[in-house]
Amino acid sequence: MAASEYHRGEMDITDQKSTWDGFITGSTWGGLIVIMMVGYAVLAIAIGINWIISLGLMAIVGVAAGLLLNLGGRWMATVVMLIVTALIVQFFIWLFGVMI
């Protein structure tokens, strides 16, 4: 009785699907960025590995995750910009140390 009365919906759900896909993509990107930042801090500060080696390891992790999850060129550009930002911050730390 219930099976014959069932009517499959005909509503267009492309907007909902694109919202869900965007949410998943944003969550993936955000999670990977947090993993890279925390990993860099743990390697450089808590474990005491040289900052450039820590940065290189996290860059490898970021690129590998981007390739594994097929995140595309925008992800690779984001990883490069994070590396450039880290290098600028380290330059300012060095500059401040020289001034003291």
PDB file of N, CA and C in Angstrom:
ATOM      1  N   MET A   1       0.825  -1.179   0.000  1.00  0.00           N
ATOM      2  CA  MET A   1       0.000   0.000   0.000  1.00  0.00           C
ATOM      3  C   MET A   1       0.877   1.253   0.000  1.00  0.00           C
ATOM      4  N   ALA A   2       1.848   1.343   0.887  1.00  0.00           N
ATOM      5  CA  ALA A   2       2.664   2.548   0.982  1.00  0.00           C
ATOM      6  C   ALA A   2       3.548   2.713  -0.249  1.00  0.00           C
ATOM      7  N   ALA A   3       4.013   1.601  -0.822  1.00  0.00           N
ATOM      8  CA  ALA A   3       4.904   1.692  -1.977  1.00  0.00           C
ATOM      9  C   ALA A   3       4.179   2.258  -3.193  1.00  0.00           C
ATOM     10  N   SER A   4       2.927   1.924  -3.361  1.00  0.00           N
ATOM     11  CA  SER A   4       2.197   2.418  -4.529  1.00  0.00           C
ATOM     12  C   SER A   4       1.802   3.889  -4.365  1.00  0.00           C
ATOM     13  N   GLU A   5       1.715   4.380  -3.138  1.00  0.00           N
ATOM     14  CA  GLU A   5       1.339   5.770  -2.915  1.00  0.00           C
ATOM     15  C   GLU A   5       2.543   6.719  -2.929  1.00  0.00           C
ATOM     16  N   TYR A   6       3.740   6.157  -2.922  1.00  0.00           N
ATOM     17  CA  TYR A   6       4.935   6.996  -2.882  1.00  0.00           C
ATOM     18  C   TYR A   6       5.104   7.716  -4.214  1.00  0.00           C
ATOM     19  N   HIS A   7       5.377   8.998  -4.128  1.00  0.00           N
ATOM     20  CA  HIS A   7       5.616   9.813  -5.326  1.00  0.00           C
ATOM     21  C   HIS A   7       6.981  10.469  -5.191  1.00  0.00           C
ATOM     22  N   ARG A   8       7.881  10.120  -6.079  1.00  0.00           N
ATOM     23  CA  ARG A   8       9.233  10.684  -6.020  1.00  0.00           C
ATOM     24  C   ARG A   8       9.162  12.181  -6.301  1.00  0.00           C
ATOM     25  N   GLY A   9       9.900  12.944  -5.478  1.00  0.00           N
ATOM     26  CA  GLY A   9       9.890  14.393  -5.618  1.00  0.00           C
ATOM     27  C   GLY A   9      10.508  14.855  -6.926  1.00  0.00           C
ATOM     28  N   GLU A  10      10.014  15.953  -7.416  1.00  0.00           N
ATOM     29  CA  GLU A  10      10.508  16.503  -8.672  1.00  0.00           C
ATOM     30  C   GLU A  10      11.156  17.865  -8.463  1.00  0.00           C
ATOM     31  N   MET A  11      11.490  18.177  -7.222  1.00  0.00           N
ATOM     32  CA  MET A  11      12.080  19.476  -6.920  1.00  0.00           C
ATOM     33  C   MET A  11      13.519  19.546  -7.428  1.00  0.00           C
ATOM     34  N   ASP A  12      13.887  20.683  -7.972  1.00  0.00           N
ATOM     35  CA  ASP A  12      15.251  20.900  -8.441  1.00  0.00           C
ATOM     36  C   ASP A  12      16.145  21.163  -7.229  1.00  0.00           C
ATOM     37  N   ILE A  13      17.147  20.313  -7.038  1.00  0.00           N
ATOM     38  CA  ILE A  13      18.008  20.445  -5.855  1.00  0.00           C
ATOM     39  C   ILE A  13      19.432  20.844  -6.221  1.00  0.00           C
ATOM     40  N   THR A  14      19.632  21.453  -7.374  1.00  0.00           N
ATOM     41  CA  THR A  14      20.991  21.830  -7.772  1.00  0.00           C
ATOM     42  C   THR A  14      21.575  22.867  -6.823  1.00  0.00           C
ATOM     43  N   ASP A  15      20.750  23.788  -6.324  1.00  0.00           N
ATOM     44  CA  ASP A  15      21.254  24.787  -5.380  1.00  0.00           C
ATOM     45  C   ASP A  15      21.681  24.141  -4.066  1.00  0.00           C
ATOM     46  N   GLN A  16      20.886  23.208  -3.568  1.00  0.00           N
ATOM     47  CA  GLN A  16      21.239  22.524  -2.328  1.00  0.00           C
ATOM     48  C   GLN A  16      22.503  21.690  -2.508  1.00  0.00           C
ATOM     49  N   LYS A  17      22.625  21.042  -3.662  1.00  0.00           N
ATOM     50  CA  LYS A  17      23.813  20.235  -3.923  1.00  0.00           C
ATOM     51  C   LYS A  17      25.055  21.111  -4.011  1.00  0.00           C
ATOM     52  N   SER A  18      24.955  22.250  -4.669  1.00  0.00           N
ATOM     53  CA  SER A  18      26.121  23.130  -4.764  1.00  0.00           C
ATOM     54  C   SER A  18      26.473  23.720  -3.403  1.00  0.00           C
ATOM     55  N   THR A  19      25.469  23.992  -2.561  1.00  0.00           N
ATOM     56  CA  THR A  19      25.740  24.466  -1.205  1.00  0.00           C
ATOM     57  C   THR A  19      26.470  23.395  -0.402  1.00  0.00           C
ATOM     58  N   TRP A  20      26.008  22.165  -0.498  1.00  0.00           N
ATOM     59  CA  TRP A  20      26.650  21.063   0.216  1.00  0.00           C
ATOM     60  C   TRP A  20      28.073  20.852  -0.282  1.00  0.00           C
ATOM     61  N   ASP A  21      28.268  20.870  -1.595  1.00  0.00           N
ATOM     62  CA  ASP A  21      29.614  20.703  -2.149  1.00  0.00           C
ATOM     63  C   ASP A  21      30.540  21.826  -1.690  1.00  0.00           C
ATOM     64  N   GLY A  22      30.036  23.055  -1.638  1.00  0.00           N
ATOM     65  CA  GLY A  22      30.831  24.177  -1.152  1.00  0.00           C
ATOM     66  C   GLY A  22      31.189  24.031   0.314  1.00  0.00           C
ATOM     67  N   PHE A  23      30.246  23.552   1.108  1.00  0.00           N
ATOM     68  CA  PHE A  23      30.505  23.330   2.529  1.00  0.00           C
ATOM     69  C   PHE A  23      31.596  22.283   2.726  1.00  0.00           C
ATOM     70  N   ILE A  24      31.513  21.189   1.993  1.00  0.00           N
ATOM     71  CA  ILE A  24      32.509  20.128   2.108  1.00  0.00           C
ATOM     72  C   ILE A  24      33.880  20.629   1.659  1.00  0.00           C
ATOM     73  N   THR A  25      33.920  21.368   0.558  1.00  0.00           N
ATOM     74  CA  THR A  25      35.193  21.906   0.073  1.00  0.00           C
ATOM     75  C   THR A  25      35.787  22.887   1.078  1.00  0.00           C
ATOM     76  N   GLY A  26      34.965  23.780   1.609  1.00  0.00           N
ATOM     77  CA  GLY A  26      35.447  24.737   2.608  1.00  0.00           C
ATOM     78  C   GLY A  26      35.930  24.058   3.874  1.00  0.00           C
ATOM     79  N   SER A  27      35.218  23.034   4.301  1.00  0.00           N
ATOM     80  CA  SER A  27      35.640  22.288   5.484  1.00  0.00           C
ATOM     81  C   SER A  27      36.961  21.568   5.242  1.00  0.00           C
ATOM     82  N   THR A  28      37.127  21.009   4.062  1.00  0.00           N
ATOM     83  CA  THR A  28      38.380  20.327   3.722  1.00  0.00           C
ATOM     84  C   THR A  28      39.541  21.313   3.713  1.00  0.00           C
ATOM     85  N   TRP A  29      39.354  22.440   3.043  1.00  0.00           N
ATOM     86  CA  TRP A  29      40.407  23.458   2.988  1.00  0.00           C
ATOM     87  C   TRP A  29      40.736  23.967   4.388  1.00  0.00           C
ATOM     88  N   GLY A  30      39.711  24.307   5.154  1.00  0.00           N
ATOM     89  CA  GLY A  30      39.938  24.825   6.503  1.00  0.00           C
ATOM     90  C   GLY A  30      40.643  23.823   7.390  1.00  0.00           C
ATOM     91  N   GLY A  31      40.217  22.566   7.315  1.00  0.00           N
ATOM     92  CA  GLY A  31      40.853  21.526   8.114  1.00  0.00           C
ATOM     93  C   GLY A  31      42.311  21.323   7.744  1.00  0.00           C
ATOM     94  N   LEU A  32      42.606  21.333   6.451  1.00  0.00           N
ATOM     95  CA  LEU A  32      43.994  21.159   6.024  1.00  0.00           C
ATOM     96  C   LEU A  32      44.863  22.347   6.418  1.00  0.00           C
ATOM     97  N   ILE A  33      44.317  23.553   6.334  1.00  0.00           N
ATOM     98  CA  ILE A  33      45.089  24.730   6.742  1.00  0.00           C
ATOM     99  C   ILE A  33      45.379  24.680   8.238  1.00  0.00           C
ATOM    100  N   VAL A  34      44.402  24.278   9.036  1.00  0.00           N
ATOM    101  CA  VAL A  34      44.621  24.154  10.481  1.00  0.00           C
ATOM    102  C   VAL A  34      45.668  23.080  10.767  1.00  0.00           C
ATOM    103  N   ILE A  35      45.585  21.953  10.076  1.00  0.00           N
ATOM    104  CA  ILE A  35      46.575  20.886  10.263  1.00  0.00           C
ATOM    105  C   ILE A  35      47.974  21.382   9.923  1.00  0.00           C
ATOM    106  N   MET A  36      48.098  22.135   8.829  1.00  0.00           N
ATOM    107  CA  MET A  36      49.412  22.648   8.440  1.00  0.00           C
ATOM    108  C   MET A  36      49.935  23.664   9.449  1.00  0.00           C
ATOM    109  N   MET A  37      49.077  24.547   9.947  1.00  0.00           N
ATOM    110  CA  MET A  37      49.528  25.561  10.905  1.00  0.00           C
ATOM    111  C   MET A  37      49.916  24.933  12.236  1.00  0.00           C
ATOM    112  N   VAL A  38      49.092  24.036  12.735  1.00  0.00           N
ATOM    113  CA  VAL A  38      49.399  23.379  14.007  1.00  0.00           C
ATOM    114  C   VAL A  38      50.628  22.481  13.852  1.00  0.00           C
ATOM    115  N   GLY A  39      50.728  21.776  12.736  1.00  0.00           N
ATOM    116  CA  GLY A  39      51.896  20.938  12.498  1.00  0.00           C
ATOM    117  C   GLY A  39      53.177  21.741  12.449  1.00  0.00           C
ATOM    118  N   TYR A  40      53.133  22.905  11.810  1.00  0.00           N
ATOM    119  CA  TYR A  40      54.311  23.776  11.758  1.00  0.00           C
ATOM    120  C   TYR A  40      54.689  24.246  13.154  1.00  0.00           C
ATOM    121  N   ALA A  41      53.691  24.654  13.930  1.00  0.00           N
ATOM    122  CA  ALA A  41      53.968  25.125  15.292  1.00  0.00           C
ATOM    123  C   ALA A  41      54.531  24.007  16.161  1.00  0.00           C
ATOM    124  N   VAL A  42      53.972  22.819  16.037  1.00  0.00           N
ATOM    125  CA  VAL A  42      54.462  21.691  16.840  1.00  0.00           C
ATOM    126  C   VAL A  42      55.894  21.340  16.457  1.00  0.00           C
ATOM    127  N   LEU A  43      56.164  21.273  15.165  1.00  0.00           N
ATOM    128  CA  LEU A  43      57.516  20.914  14.732  1.00  0.00           C
ATOM    129  C   LEU A  43      58.533  21.985  15.106  1.00  0.00           C
ATOM    130  N   ALA A  44      58.179  23.250  14.904  1.00  0.00           N
ATOM    131  CA  ALA A  44      59.151  24.328  15.114  1.00  0.00           C
ATOM    132  C   ALA A  44      59.308  24.694  16.582  1.00  0.00           C
ATOM    133  N   ILE A  45      58.216  24.718  17.331  1.00  0.00           N
ATOM    134  CA  ILE A  45      58.277  25.211  18.711  1.00  0.00           C
ATOM    135  C   ILE A  45      58.375  24.061  19.711  1.00  0.00           C
ATOM    136  N   ALA A  46      57.445  23.122  19.641  1.00  0.00           N
ATOM    137  CA  ALA A  46      57.401  22.069  20.657  1.00  0.00           C
ATOM    138  C   ALA A  46      58.542  21.064  20.497  1.00  0.00           C
ATOM    139  N   ILE A  47      58.816  20.657  19.277  1.00  0.00           N
ATOM    140  CA  ILE A  47      59.862  19.659  19.066  1.00  0.00           C
ATOM    141  C   ILE A  47      61.224  20.316  18.896  1.00  0.00           C
ATOM    142  N   GLY A  48      61.249  21.517  18.373  1.00  0.00           N
ATOM    143  CA  GLY A  48      62.499  22.255  18.243  1.00  0.00           C
ATOM    144  C   GLY A  48      63.235  22.048  16.932  1.00  0.00           C
ATOM    145  N   ILE A  49      62.535  21.569  15.916  1.00  0.00           N
ATOM    146  CA  ILE A  49      63.150  21.433  14.595  1.00  0.00           C
ATOM    147  C   ILE A  49      63.320  22.835  14.007  1.00  0.00           C
ATOM    148  N   ASN A  50      64.372  23.025  13.223  1.00  0.00           N
ATOM    149  CA  ASN A  50      64.604  24.313  12.580  1.00  0.00           C
ATOM    150  C   ASN A  50      63.353  24.746  11.811  1.00  0.00           C
ATOM    151  N   TRP A  51      63.071  26.045  11.830  1.00  0.00           N
ATOM    152  CA  TRP A  51      61.819  26.532  11.254  1.00  0.00           C
ATOM    153  C   TRP A  51      61.729  26.288   9.758  1.00  0.00           C
ATOM    154  N   ILE A  52      62.835  26.356   9.034  1.00  0.00           N
ATOM    155  CA  ILE A  52      62.780  26.162   7.584  1.00  0.00           C
ATOM    156  C   ILE A  52      62.499  24.703   7.240  1.00  0.00           C
ATOM    157  N   ILE A  53      63.019  23.783   8.050  1.00  0.00           N
ATOM    158  CA  ILE A  53      62.731  22.361   7.835  1.00  0.00           C
ATOM    159  C   ILE A  53      61.267  22.077   8.157  1.00  0.00           C
ATOM    160  N   SER A  54      60.765  22.667   9.236  1.00  0.00           N
ATOM    161  CA  SER A  54      59.355  22.508   9.591  1.00  0.00           C
ATOM    162  C   SER A  54      58.457  23.055   8.493  1.00  0.00           C
ATOM    163  N   LEU A  55      58.834  24.213   7.961  1.00  0.00           N
ATOM    164  CA  LEU A  55      58.055  24.818   6.881  1.00  0.00           C
ATOM    165  C   LEU A  55      58.076  23.932   5.640  1.00  0.00           C
ATOM    166  N   GLY A  56      59.241  23.383   5.323  1.00  0.00           N
ATOM    167  CA  GLY A  56      59.344  22.487   4.173  1.00  0.00           C
ATOM    168  C   GLY A  56      58.513  21.227   4.335  1.00  0.00           C
ATOM    169  N   LEU A  57      58.532  20.659   5.533  1.00  0.00           N
ATOM    170  CA  LEU A  57      57.727  19.457   5.783  1.00  0.00           C
ATOM    171  C   LEU A  57      56.237  19.740   5.655  1.00  0.00           C
ATOM    172  N   MET A  58      55.798  20.867   6.190  1.00  0.00           N
ATOM    173  CA  MET A  58      54.382  21.207   6.089  1.00  0.00           C
ATOM    174  C   MET A  58      53.992  21.582   4.660  1.00  0.00           C
ATOM    175  N   ALA A  59      54.925  22.133   3.900  1.00  0.00           N
ATOM    176  CA  ALA A  59      54.658  22.399   2.485  1.00  0.00           C
ATOM    177  C   ALA A  59      54.474  21.090   1.726  1.00  0.00           C
ATOM    178  N   ILE A  60      55.308  20.108   2.044  1.00  0.00           N
ATOM    179  CA  ILE A  60      55.170  18.792   1.413  1.00  0.00           C
ATOM    180  C   ILE A  60      53.831  18.166   1.788  1.00  0.00           C
ATOM    181  N   VAL A  61      53.451  18.287   3.061  1.00  0.00           N
ATOM    182  CA  VAL A  61      52.154  17.758   3.506  1.00  0.00           C
ATOM    183  C   VAL A  61      51.017  18.455   2.762  1.00  0.00           C
ATOM    184  N   GLY A  62      51.101  19.773   2.622  1.00  0.00           N
ATOM    185  CA  GLY A  62      50.052  20.521   1.938  1.00  0.00           C
ATOM    186  C   GLY A  62      49.928  20.153   0.473  1.00  0.00           C
ATOM    187  N   VAL A  63      51.057  20.047  -0.216  1.00  0.00           N
ATOM    188  CA  VAL A  63      51.028  19.681  -1.634  1.00  0.00           C
ATOM    189  C   VAL A  63      50.543  18.245  -1.804  1.00  0.00           C
ATOM    190  N   ALA A  64      51.021  17.341  -0.952  1.00  0.00           N
ATOM    191  CA  ALA A  64      50.590  15.941  -1.040  1.00  0.00           C
ATOM    192  C   ALA A  64      49.091  15.805  -0.779  1.00  0.00           C
ATOM    193  N   ALA A  65      48.587  16.536   0.219  1.00  0.00           N
ATOM    194  CA  ALA A  65      47.148  16.487   0.498  1.00  0.00           C
ATOM    195  C   ALA A  65      46.355  17.053  -0.671  1.00  0.00           C
ATOM    196  N   GLY A  66      46.862  18.123  -1.277  1.00  0.00           N
ATOM    197  CA  GLY A  66      46.184  18.702  -2.434  1.00  0.00           C
ATOM    198  C   GLY A  66      46.136  17.748  -3.610  1.00  0.00           C
ATOM    199  N   LEU A  67      47.229  17.033  -3.840  1.00  0.00           N
ATOM    200  CA  LEU A  67      47.246  16.056  -4.928  1.00  0.00           C
ATOM    201  C   LEU A  67      46.374  14.851  -4.608  1.00  0.00           C
ATOM    202  N   LEU A  68      46.441  14.394  -3.360  1.00  0.00           N
ATOM    203  CA  LEU A  68      45.662  13.223  -2.955  1.00  0.00           C
ATOM    204  C   LEU A  68      44.161  13.499  -3.019  1.00  0.00           C
ATOM    205  N   LEU A  69      43.751  14.679  -2.571  1.00  0.00           N
ATOM    206  CA  LEU A  69      42.331  15.020  -2.544  1.00  0.00           C
ATOM    207  C   LEU A  69      41.866  15.738  -3.806  1.00  0.00           C
ATOM    208  N   ASN A  70      42.773  15.925  -4.764  1.00  0.00           N
ATOM    209  CA  ASN A  70      42.453  16.562  -6.038  1.00  0.00           C
ATOM    210  C   ASN A  70      41.817  17.943  -5.827  1.00  0.00           C
ATOM    211  N   LEU A  71      42.521  18.790  -5.067  1.00  0.00           N
ATOM    212  CA  LEU A  71      41.991  20.109  -4.740  1.00  0.00           C
ATOM    213  C   LEU A  71      42.290  21.154  -5.804  1.00  0.00           C
ATOM    214  N   GLY A  72      43.172  20.882  -6.714  1.00  0.00           N
ATOM    215  CA  GLY A  72      43.387  21.763  -7.851  1.00  0.00           C
ATOM    216  C   GLY A  72      44.415  22.852  -7.623  1.00  0.00           C
ATOM    217  N   GLY A  73      44.500  23.725  -8.609  1.00  0.00           N
ATOM    218  CA  GLY A  73      45.500  24.776  -8.616  1.00  0.00           C
ATOM    219  C   GLY A  73      45.289  25.847  -7.570  1.00  0.00           C
ATOM    220  N   ARG A  74      44.041  26.118  -7.227  1.00  0.00           N
ATOM    221  CA  ARG A  74      43.787  27.128  -6.189  1.00  0.00           C
ATOM    222  C   ARG A  74      44.362  26.692  -4.849  1.00  0.00           C
ATOM    223  N   TRP A  75      44.301  25.405  -4.558  1.00  0.00           N
ATOM    224  CA  TRP A  75      44.883  24.904  -3.312  1.00  0.00           C
ATOM    225  C   TRP A  75      46.397  25.059  -3.336  1.00  0.00           C
ATOM    226  N   MET A  76      47.015  24.719  -4.471  1.00  0.00           N
ATOM    227  CA  MET A  76      48.468  24.850  -4.577  1.00  0.00           C
ATOM    228  C   MET A  76      48.888  26.312  -4.424  1.00  0.00           C
ATOM    229  N   ALA A  77      48.116  27.226  -5.010  1.00  0.00           N
ATOM    230  CA  ALA A  77      48.406  28.654  -4.852  1.00  0.00           C
ATOM    231  C   ALA A  77      48.258  29.075  -3.394  1.00  0.00           C
ATOM    232  N   THR A  78      47.278  28.507  -2.702  1.00  0.00           N
ATOM    233  CA  THR A  78      47.092  28.813  -1.286  1.00  0.00           C
ATOM    234  C   THR A  78      48.283  28.326  -0.470  1.00  0.00           C
ATOM    235  N   VAL A  79      48.771  27.138  -0.770  1.00  0.00           N
ATOM    236  CA  VAL A  79      49.942  26.608  -0.061  1.00  0.00           C
ATOM    237  C   VAL A  79      51.153  27.502  -0.314  1.00  0.00           C
ATOM    238  N   VAL A  80      51.338  27.933  -1.553  1.00  0.00           N
ATOM    239  CA  VAL A  80      52.460  28.824  -1.869  1.00  0.00           C
ATOM    240  C   VAL A  80      52.327  30.140  -1.109  1.00  0.00           C
ATOM    241  N   MET A  81      51.123  30.697  -1.046  1.00  0.00           N
ATOM    242  CA  MET A  81      50.923  31.958  -0.317  1.00  0.00           C
ATOM    243  C   MET A  81      51.153  31.774   1.182  1.00  0.00           C
ATOM    244  N   LEU A  82      50.783  30.628   1.727  1.00  0.00           N
ATOM    245  CA  LEU A  82      51.065  30.359   3.136  1.00  0.00           C
ATOM    246  C   LEU A  82      52.568  30.269   3.388  1.00  0.00           C
ATOM    247  N   ILE A  83      53.293  29.674   2.455  1.00  0.00           N
ATOM    248  CA  ILE A  83      54.752  29.590   2.588  1.00  0.00           C
ATOM    249  C   ILE A  83      55.365  30.981   2.525  1.00  0.00           C
ATOM    250  N   VAL A  84      54.919  31.796   1.572  1.00  0.00           N
ATOM    251  CA  VAL A  84      55.435  33.165   1.451  1.00  0.00           C
ATOM    252  C   VAL A  84      55.133  33.961   2.714  1.00  0.00           C
ATOM    253  N   THR A  85      53.927  33.811   3.247  1.00  0.00           N
ATOM    254  CA  THR A  85      53.566  34.505   4.486  1.00  0.00           C
ATOM    255  C   THR A  85      54.464  34.063   5.641  1.00  0.00           C
ATOM    256  N   ALA A  86      54.724  32.771   5.738  1.00  0.00           N
ATOM    257  CA  ALA A  86      55.605  32.270   6.801  1.00  0.00           C
ATOM    258  C   ALA A  86      57.021  32.811   6.642  1.00  0.00           C
ATOM    259  N   LEU A  87      57.501  32.907   5.411  1.00  0.00           N
ATOM    260  CA  LEU A  87      58.837  33.459   5.181  1.00  0.00           C
ATOM    261  C   LEU A  87      58.904  34.933   5.564  1.00  0.00           C
ATOM    262  N   ILE A  88      57.857  35.685   5.266  1.00  0.00           N
ATOM    263  CA  ILE A  88      57.816  37.103   5.647  1.00  0.00           C
ATOM    264  C   ILE A  88      57.801  37.243   7.166  1.00  0.00           C
ATOM    265  N   VAL A  89      57.007  36.426   7.838  1.00  0.00           N
ATOM    266  CA  VAL A  89      56.952  36.473   9.302  1.00  0.00           C
ATOM    267  C   VAL A  89      58.315  36.118   9.890  1.00  0.00           C
ATOM    268  N   GLN A  90      58.961  35.104   9.357  1.00  0.00           N
ATOM    269  CA  GLN A  90      60.286  34.734   9.858  1.00  0.00           C
ATOM    270  C   GLN A  90      61.313  35.831   9.589  1.00  0.00           C
ATOM    271  N   PHE A  91      61.177  36.537   8.474  1.00  0.00           N
ATOM    272  CA  PHE A  91      62.064  37.664   8.201  1.00  0.00           C
ATOM    273  C   PHE A  91      61.883  38.750   9.249  1.00  0.00           C
ATOM    274  N   PHE A  92      60.632  39.047   9.605  1.00  0.00           N
ATOM    275  CA  PHE A  92      60.390  40.065  10.629  1.00  0.00           C
ATOM    276  C   PHE A  92      60.896  39.616  11.996  1.00  0.00           C
ATOM    277  N   ILE A  93      60.780  38.343  12.300  1.00  0.00           N
ATOM    278  CA  ILE A  93      61.324  37.824  13.559  1.00  0.00           C
ATOM    279  C   ILE A  93      62.840  37.987  13.574  1.00  0.00           C
ATOM    280  N   TRP A  94      63.497  37.648  12.462  1.00  0.00           N
ATOM    281  CA  TRP A  94      64.946  37.819  12.368  1.00  0.00           C
ATOM    282  C   TRP A  94      65.322  39.293  12.482  1.00  0.00           C
ATOM    283  N   LEU A  95      64.571  40.163  11.790  1.00  0.00           N
ATOM    284  CA  LEU A  95      64.856  41.590  11.819  1.00  0.00           C
ATOM    285  C   LEU A  95      64.708  42.154  13.228  1.00  0.00           C
ATOM    286  N   PHE A  96      63.673  41.732  13.936  1.00  0.00           N
ATOM    287  CA  PHE A  96      63.477  42.177  15.312  1.00  0.00           C
ATOM    288  C   PHE A  96      64.616  41.693  16.199  1.00  0.00           C
ATOM    289  N   GLY A  97      65.087  40.463  15.968  1.00  0.00           N
ATOM    290  CA  GLY A  97      66.209  39.934  16.741  1.00  0.00           C
ATOM    291  C   GLY A  97      67.496  40.690  16.484  1.00  0.00           C
ATOM    292  N   VAL A  98      67.696  41.158  15.271  1.00  0.00           N
ATOM    293  CA  VAL A  98      68.894  41.926  14.938  1.00  0.00           C
ATOM    294  C   VAL A  98      68.846  43.295  15.599  1.00  0.00           C
ATOM    295  N   MET A  99      67.660  43.881  15.681  1.00  0.00           N
ATOM    296  CA  MET A  99      67.514  45.226  16.247  1.00  0.00           C
ATOM    297  C   MET A  99      67.710  45.244  17.753  1.00  0.00           C
ATOM    298  N   ILE A 100      67.493  44.130  18.403  1.00  0.00           N
ATOM    299  CA  ILE A 100      67.614  44.108  19.866  1.00  0.00           C
ATOM    300  C   ILE A 100      69.012  44.018  20.241  1.00  0.00           C
TER     301      ILE A 100
END
